[in-house]
Amino acid sequence: AGKTKDRTTAMVMADSTGKKYPLFLVLKTKASKVKAVVQENLTQRHGFGKTVWKEVEPLQEKFGCRIYGNPTA
């Protein structure tokens, strides 16, 4: 009680021909209180703020995956 859970959803996808697609991660994030910033984060940085995006973007490139932040998770 009183503890929050850190949540991540990972999806590994392939089609019926056996073609594999990049790993897809969705992380729980905290939404900005400024509505315009929330929209900017969702459209330009997969839901992450500017500071966190500086860490997330290189990870996507290094591991060939897509990482998204979900403020409503």
PDB file of N, CA and C in Angstrom:
ATOM      1  N   ALA A   1       0.837  -1.184   0.000  1.00  0.00           N
ATOM      2  CA  ALA A   1       0.000   0.000   0.000  1.00  0.00           C
ATOM      3  C   ALA A   1       0.876   1.239   0.000  1.00  0.00           C
ATOM      4  N   GLY A   2       0.475   2.243  -0.769  1.00  0.00           N
ATOM      5  CA  GLY A   2       1.227   3.485  -0.824  1.00  0.00           C
ATOM      6  C   GLY A   2       2.379   3.475  -1.800  1.00  0.00           C
ATOM      7  N   LYS A   3       2.691   2.331  -2.380  1.00  0.00           N
ATOM      8  CA  LYS A   3       3.793   2.256  -3.340  1.00  0.00           C
ATOM      9  C   LYS A   3       3.241   2.311  -4.755  1.00  0.00           C
ATOM     10  N   THR A   4       4.006   2.942  -5.635  1.00  0.00           N
ATOM     11  CA  THR A   4       3.604   2.971  -7.040  1.00  0.00           C
ATOM     12  C   THR A   4       4.397   1.919  -7.798  1.00  0.00           C
ATOM     13  N   LYS A   5       3.817   1.420  -8.860  1.00  0.00           N
ATOM     14  CA  LYS A   5       4.486   0.420  -9.680  1.00  0.00           C
ATOM     15  C   LYS A   5       5.083   1.097 -10.901  1.00  0.00           C
ATOM     16  N   ASP A   6       6.308   0.738 -11.223  1.00  0.00           N
ATOM     17  CA  ASP A   6       6.915   1.181 -12.471  1.00  0.00           C
ATOM     18  C   ASP A   6       6.490   0.174 -13.525  1.00  0.00           C
ATOM     19  N   ARG A   7       5.913   0.669 -14.617  1.00  0.00           N
ATOM     20  CA  ARG A   7       5.392  -0.252 -15.619  1.00  0.00           C
ATOM     21  C   ARG A   7       6.002  -0.024 -16.983  1.00  0.00           C
ATOM     22  N   THR A   8       6.277  -1.135 -17.641  1.00  0.00           N
ATOM     23  CA  THR A   8       6.743  -1.128 -19.016  1.00  0.00           C
ATOM     24  C   THR A   8       6.003  -2.220 -19.762  1.00  0.00           C
ATOM     25  N   THR A   9       5.576  -1.930 -20.960  1.00  0.00           N
ATOM     26  CA  THR A   9       4.982  -2.937 -21.826  1.00  0.00           C
ATOM     27  C   THR A   9       5.927  -3.120 -22.998  1.00  0.00           C
ATOM     28  N   ALA A  10       6.307  -4.358 -23.266  1.00  0.00           N
ATOM     29  CA  ALA A  10       7.190  -4.659 -24.390  1.00  0.00           C
ATOM     30  C   ALA A  10       6.426  -5.515 -25.389  1.00  0.00           C
ATOM     31  N   MET A  11       6.546  -5.163 -26.662  1.00  0.00           N
ATOM     32  CA  MET A  11       5.887  -5.936 -27.706  1.00  0.00           C
ATOM     33  C   MET A  11       6.919  -6.369 -28.737  1.00  0.00           C
ATOM     34  N   VAL A  12       6.926  -7.656 -29.006  1.00  0.00           N
ATOM     35  CA  VAL A  12       7.773  -8.213 -30.053  1.00  0.00           C
ATOM     36  C   VAL A  12       6.812  -8.672 -31.138  1.00  0.00           C
ATOM     37  N   MET A  13       6.951  -8.101 -32.319  1.00  0.00           N
ATOM     38  CA  MET A  13       5.974  -8.387 -33.372  1.00  0.00           C
ATOM     39  C   MET A  13       6.621  -9.026 -34.595  1.00  0.00           C
ATOM     40  N   ALA A  14       5.836  -9.876 -35.248  1.00  0.00           N
ATOM     41  CA  ALA A  14       6.229 -10.502 -36.507  1.00  0.00           C
ATOM     42  C   ALA A  14       4.957 -10.725 -37.316  1.00  0.00           C
ATOM     43  N   ASP A  15       5.126 -10.899 -38.628  1.00  0.00           N
ATOM     44  CA  ASP A  15       3.943 -11.171 -39.444  1.00  0.00           C
ATOM     45  C   ASP A  15       3.893 -12.644 -39.833  1.00  0.00           C
ATOM     46  N   SER A  16       2.907 -13.012 -40.610  1.00  0.00           N
ATOM     47  CA  SER A  16       2.695 -14.424 -40.953  1.00  0.00           C
ATOM     48  C   SER A  16       3.799 -15.002 -41.835  1.00  0.00           C
ATOM     49  N   THR A  17       4.620 -14.133 -42.440  1.00  0.00           N
ATOM     50  CA  THR A  17       5.724 -14.630 -43.268  1.00  0.00           C
ATOM     51  C   THR A  17       6.986 -14.859 -42.445  1.00  0.00           C
ATOM     52  N   GLY A  18       6.939 -14.494 -41.166  1.00  0.00           N
ATOM     53  CA  GLY A  18       8.096 -14.660 -40.296  1.00  0.00           C
ATOM     54  C   GLY A  18       8.961 -13.418 -40.189  1.00  0.00           C
ATOM     55  N   LYS A  19       8.576 -12.351 -40.886  1.00  0.00           N
ATOM     56  CA  LYS A  19       9.334 -11.104 -40.803  1.00  0.00           C
ATOM     57  C   LYS A  19       9.176 -10.506 -39.411  1.00  0.00           C
ATOM     58  N   LYS A  20      10.299 -10.191 -38.781  1.00  0.00           N
ATOM     59  CA  LYS A  20      10.277  -9.611 -37.438  1.00  0.00           C
ATOM     60  C   LYS A  20      10.358  -8.092 -37.529  1.00  0.00           C
ATOM     61  N   TYR A  21       9.659  -7.423 -36.621  1.00  0.00           N
ATOM     62  CA  TYR A  21       9.644  -5.968 -36.566  1.00  0.00           C
ATOM     63  C   TYR A  21      10.388  -5.504 -35.324  1.00  0.00           C
ATOM     64  N   PRO A  22      10.846  -4.238 -35.314  1.00  0.00           N
ATOM     65  CA  PRO A  22      11.610  -3.740 -34.160  1.00  0.00           C
ATOM     66  C   PRO A  22      10.823  -3.840 -32.851  1.00  0.00           C
ATOM     67  N   LEU A  23      11.553  -4.078 -31.770  1.00  0.00           N
ATOM     68  CA  LEU A  23      10.969  -4.114 -30.432  1.00  0.00           C
ATOM     69  C   LEU A  23      10.260  -2.794 -30.168  1.00  0.00           C
ATOM     70  N   PHE A  24       9.128  -2.863 -29.500  1.00  0.00           N
ATOM     71  CA  PHE A  24       8.264  -1.715 -29.259  1.00  0.00           C
ATOM     72  C   PHE A  24       8.032  -1.649 -27.756  1.00  0.00           C
ATOM     73  N   LEU A  25       8.517  -0.585 -27.114  1.00  0.00           N
ATOM     74  CA  LEU A  25       8.374  -0.437 -25.663  1.00  0.00           C
ATOM     75  C   LEU A  25       7.476   0.742 -25.335  1.00  0.00           C
ATOM     76  N   VAL A  26       6.613   0.575 -24.350  1.00  0.00           N
ATOM     77  CA  VAL A  26       5.769   1.665 -23.865  1.00  0.00           C
ATOM     78  C   VAL A  26       6.018   1.795 -22.368  1.00  0.00           C
ATOM     79  N   LEU A  27       6.490   2.969 -21.955  1.00  0.00           N
ATOM     80  CA  LEU A  27       6.814   3.218 -20.554  1.00  0.00           C
ATOM     81  C   LEU A  27       5.799   4.161 -19.925  1.00  0.00           C
ATOM     82  N   LYS A  28       5.539   3.967 -18.666  1.00  0.00           N
ATOM     83  CA  LYS A  28       4.666   4.874 -17.931  1.00  0.00           C
ATOM     84  C   LYS A  28       5.437   6.173 -17.696  1.00  0.00           C
ATOM     85  N   THR A  29       4.831   7.310 -18.037  1.00  0.00           N
ATOM     86  CA  THR A  29       5.477   8.609 -17.842  1.00  0.00           C
ATOM     87  C   THR A  29       4.544   9.549 -17.094  1.00  0.00           C
ATOM     88  N   LYS A  30       5.102  10.621 -16.619  1.00  0.00           N
ATOM     89  CA  LYS A  30       4.300  11.640 -15.944  1.00  0.00           C
ATOM     90  C   LYS A  30       4.018  12.753 -16.950  1.00  0.00           C
ATOM     91  N   ALA A  31       2.753  13.123 -17.092  1.00  0.00           N
ATOM     92  CA  ALA A  31       2.366  14.157 -18.055  1.00  0.00           C
ATOM     93  C   ALA A  31       2.657  15.541 -17.499  1.00  0.00           C
ATOM     94  N   SER A  32       3.002  16.453 -18.393  1.00  0.00           N
ATOM     95  CA  SER A  32       3.178  17.852 -18.018  1.00  0.00           C
ATOM     96  C   SER A  32       1.829  18.433 -17.621  1.00  0.00           C
ATOM     97  N   LYS A  33       1.861  19.440 -16.768  1.00  0.00           N
ATOM     98  CA  LYS A  33       0.629  20.121 -16.371  1.00  0.00           C
ATOM     99  C   LYS A  33       0.195  21.149 -17.419  1.00  0.00           C
ATOM    100  N   VAL A  34       1.081  21.457 -18.365  1.00  0.00           N
ATOM    101  CA  VAL A  34       0.799  22.431 -19.425  1.00  0.00           C
ATOM    102  C   VAL A  34       0.316  21.671 -20.662  1.00  0.00           C
ATOM    103  N   LYS A  35      -0.925  21.913 -21.052  1.00  0.00           N
ATOM    104  CA  LYS A  35      -1.548  21.162 -22.141  1.00  0.00           C
ATOM    105  C   LYS A  35      -0.773  21.245 -23.460  1.00  0.00           C
ATOM    106  N   ALA A  36      -0.257  22.425 -23.786  1.00  0.00           N
ATOM    107  CA  ALA A  36       0.496  22.599 -25.037  1.00  0.00           C
ATOM    108  C   ALA A  36       1.773  21.762 -25.030  1.00  0.00           C
ATOM    109  N   VAL A  37       2.397  21.650 -23.877  1.00  0.00           N
ATOM    110  CA  VAL A  37       3.625  20.849 -23.751  1.00  0.00           C
ATOM    111  C   VAL A  37       3.295  19.366 -23.910  1.00  0.00           C
ATOM    112  N   VAL A  38       2.171  18.932 -23.364  1.00  0.00           N
ATOM    113  CA  VAL A  38       1.748  17.536 -23.511  1.00  0.00           C
ATOM    114  C   VAL A  38       1.604  17.200 -24.996  1.00  0.00           C
ATOM    115  N   GLN A  39       0.940  18.067 -25.762  1.00  0.00           N
ATOM    116  CA  GLN A  39       0.761  17.842 -27.199  1.00  0.00           C
ATOM    117  C   GLN A  39       2.098  17.789 -27.920  1.00  0.00           C
ATOM    118  N   GLU A  40       2.991  18.714 -27.581  1.00  0.00           N
ATOM    119  CA  GLU A  40       4.322  18.739 -28.207  1.00  0.00           C
ATOM    120  C   GLU A  40       5.080  17.453 -27.901  1.00  0.00           C
ATOM    121  N   ASN A  41       5.026  17.007 -26.658  1.00  0.00           N
ATOM    122  CA  ASN A  41       5.714  15.771 -26.270  1.00  0.00           C
ATOM    123  C   ASN A  41       5.171  14.576 -27.052  1.00  0.00           C
ATOM    124  N   LEU A  42       3.858  14.497 -27.189  1.00  0.00           N
ATOM    125  CA  LEU A  42       3.249  13.368 -27.893  1.00  0.00           C
ATOM    126  C   LEU A  42       3.572  13.381 -29.381  1.00  0.00           C
ATOM    127  N   THR A  43       3.574  14.553 -30.002  1.00  0.00           N
ATOM    128  CA  THR A  43       3.783  14.616 -31.452  1.00  0.00           C
ATOM    129  C   THR A  43       5.256  14.597 -31.853  1.00  0.00           C
ATOM    130  N   GLN A  44       6.144  15.128 -31.016  1.00  0.00           N
ATOM    131  CA  GLN A  44       7.549  15.259 -31.406  1.00  0.00           C
ATOM    132  C   GLN A  44       8.504  14.303 -30.705  1.00  0.00           C
ATOM    133  N   ARG A  45       8.135  13.823 -29.523  1.00  0.00           N
ATOM    134  CA  ARG A  45       9.082  13.025 -28.741  1.00  0.00           C
ATOM    135  C   ARG A  45       8.458  11.766 -28.141  1.00  0.00           C
ATOM    136  N   HIS A  46       7.511  11.173 -28.856  1.00  0.00           N
ATOM    137  CA  HIS A  46       6.884   9.913 -28.425  1.00  0.00           C
ATOM    138  C   HIS A  46       6.340   9.970 -27.007  1.00  0.00           C
ATOM    139  N   GLY A  47       5.936  11.143 -26.538  1.00  0.00           N
ATOM    140  CA  GLY A  47       5.336  11.268 -25.216  1.00  0.00           C
ATOM    141  C   GLY A  47       6.287  11.662 -24.107  1.00  0.00           C
ATOM    142  N   PHE A  48       7.576  11.778 -24.418  1.00  0.00           N
ATOM    143  CA  PHE A  48       8.571  12.143 -23.411  1.00  0.00           C
ATOM    144  C   PHE A  48       8.843  13.644 -23.440  1.00  0.00           C
ATOM    145  N   GLY A  49       9.262  14.194 -22.316  1.00  0.00           N
ATOM    146  CA  GLY A  49       9.686  15.580 -22.240  1.00  0.00           C
ATOM    147  C   GLY A  49      11.056  15.754 -22.871  1.00  0.00           C
ATOM    148  N   LYS A  50      11.479  16.996 -23.043  1.00  0.00           N
ATOM    149  CA  LYS A  50      12.756  17.301 -23.704  1.00  0.00           C
ATOM    150  C   LYS A  50      13.950  16.664 -23.006  1.00  0.00           C
ATOM    151  N   THR A  51      13.973  16.713 -21.680  1.00  0.00           N
ATOM    152  CA  THR A  51      15.120  16.187 -20.929  1.00  0.00           C
ATOM    153  C   THR A  51      15.219  14.671 -21.050  1.00  0.00           C
ATOM    154  N   VAL A  52      14.125  13.977 -20.841  1.00  0.00           N
ATOM    155  CA  VAL A  52      14.132  12.509 -20.915  1.00  0.00           C
ATOM    156  C   VAL A  52      14.392  12.047 -22.346  1.00  0.00           C
ATOM    157  N   TRP A  53      13.874  12.784 -23.329  1.00  0.00           N
ATOM    158  CA  TRP A  53      14.051  12.412 -24.732  1.00  0.00           C
ATOM    159  C   TRP A  53      15.529  12.362 -25.116  1.00  0.00           C
ATOM    160  N   LYS A  54      16.340  13.205 -24.501  1.00  0.00           N
ATOM    161  CA  LYS A  54      17.785  13.201 -24.785  1.00  0.00           C
ATOM    162  C   LYS A  54      18.418  11.871 -24.404  1.00  0.00           C
ATOM    163  N   GLU A  55      17.819  11.150 -23.460  1.00  0.00           N
ATOM    164  CA  GLU A  55      18.315   9.826 -23.075  1.00  0.00           C
ATOM    165  C   GLU A  55      17.642   8.718 -23.886  1.00  0.00           C
ATOM    166  N   VAL A  56      16.374   8.901 -24.204  1.00  0.00           N
ATOM    167  CA  VAL A  56      15.602   7.867 -24.900  1.00  0.00           C
ATOM    168  C   VAL A  56      16.018   7.733 -26.361  1.00  0.00           C
ATOM    169  N   GLU A  57      16.183   8.845 -27.045  1.00  0.00           N
ATOM    170  CA  GLU A  57      16.486   8.803 -28.481  1.00  0.00           C
ATOM    171  C   GLU A  57      17.752   7.993 -28.802  1.00  0.00           C
ATOM    172  N   PRO A  58      18.874   8.201 -28.083  1.00  0.00           N
ATOM    173  CA  PRO A  58      20.055   7.381 -28.370  1.00  0.00           C
ATOM    174  C   PRO A  58      19.834   5.889 -28.101  1.00  0.00           C
ATOM    175  N   LEU A  59      19.007   5.557 -27.114  1.00  0.00           N
ATOM    176  CA  LEU A  59      18.712   4.148 -26.829  1.00  0.00           C
ATOM    177  C   LEU A  59      17.958   3.501 -27.990  1.00  0.00           C
ATOM    178  N   GLN A  60      17.030   4.245 -28.579  1.00  0.00           N
ATOM    179  CA  GLN A  60      16.297   3.730 -29.739  1.00  0.00           C
ATOM    180  C   GLN A  60      17.262   3.404 -30.872  1.00  0.00           C
ATOM    181  N   GLU A  61      18.178   4.316 -31.121  1.00  0.00           N
ATOM    182  CA  GLU A  61      19.139   4.115 -32.209  1.00  0.00           C
ATOM    183  C   GLU A  61      20.079   2.952 -31.906  1.00  0.00           C
ATOM    184  N   LYS A  62      20.568   2.884 -30.683  1.00  0.00           N
ATOM    185  CA  LYS A  62      21.528   1.841 -30.299  1.00  0.00           C
ATOM    186  C   LYS A  62      20.927   0.443 -30.405  1.00  0.00           C
ATOM    187  N   PHE A  63      19.668   0.291 -29.969  1.00  0.00           N
ATOM    188  CA  PHE A  63      19.060  -1.032 -29.913  1.00  0.00           C
ATOM    189  C   PHE A  63      18.056  -1.300 -31.034  1.00  0.00           C
ATOM    190  N   GLY A  64      17.856  -0.334 -31.923  1.00  0.00           N
ATOM    191  CA  GLY A  64      16.954  -0.538 -33.051  1.00  0.00           C
ATOM    192  C   GLY A  64      15.522  -0.805 -32.630  1.00  0.00           C
ATOM    193  N   CYS A  65      15.055  -0.076 -31.631  1.00  0.00           N
ATOM    194  CA  CYS A  65      13.690  -0.268 -31.143  1.00  0.00           C
ATOM    195  C   CYS A  65      12.961   1.069 -31.110  1.00  0.00           C
ATOM    196  N   ARG A  66      11.680   1.022 -30.830  1.00  0.00           N
ATOM    197  CA  ARG A  66      10.867   2.228 -30.668  1.00  0.00           C
ATOM    198  C   ARG A  66      10.432   2.292 -29.216  1.00  0.00           C
ATOM    199  N   ILE A  67      10.616   3.453 -28.583  1.00  0.00           N
ATOM    200  CA  ILE A  67      10.256   3.636 -27.178  1.00  0.00           C
ATOM    201  C   ILE A  67       9.269   4.791 -27.079  1.00  0.00           C
ATOM    202  N   TYR A  68       8.141   4.527 -26.439  1.00  0.00           N
ATOM    203  CA  TYR A  68       7.082   5.524 -26.289  1.00  0.00           C
ATOM    204  C   TYR A  68       6.769   5.734 -24.815  1.00  0.00           C
ATOM    205  N   GLY A  69       6.392   6.958 -24.476  1.00  0.00           N
ATOM    206  CA  GLY A  69       5.938   7.269 -23.126  1.00  0.00           C
ATOM    207  C   GLY A  69       4.435   7.436 -23.130  1.00  0.00           C
ATOM    208  N   ASN A  70       3.762   6.839 -22.149  1.00  0.00           N
ATOM    209  CA  ASN A  70       2.308   6.942 -22.053  1.00  0.00           C
ATOM    210  C   ASN A  70       1.944   7.604 -20.734  1.00  0.00           C
ATOM    211  N   PRO A  71       1.551   8.883 -20.776  1.00  0.00           N
ATOM    212  CA  PRO A  71       1.215   9.582 -19.533  1.00  0.00           C
ATOM    213  C   PRO A  71      -0.095   9.120 -18.905  1.00  0.00           C
ATOM    214  N   THR A  72      -0.889   8.343 -19.621  1.00  0.00           N
ATOM    215  CA  THR A  72      -2.161   7.877 -19.062  1.00  0.00           C
ATOM    216  C   THR A  72      -2.084   6.456 -18.532  1.00  0.00           C
ATOM    217  N   ALA A  73      -0.914   5.826 -18.602  1.00  0.00           N
ATOM    218  CA  ALA A  73      -0.776   4.427 -18.151  1.00  0.00           C
ATOM    219  C   ALA A  73      -0.870   4.308 -16.649  1.00  0.00           C
TER     220      ALA A  73
END
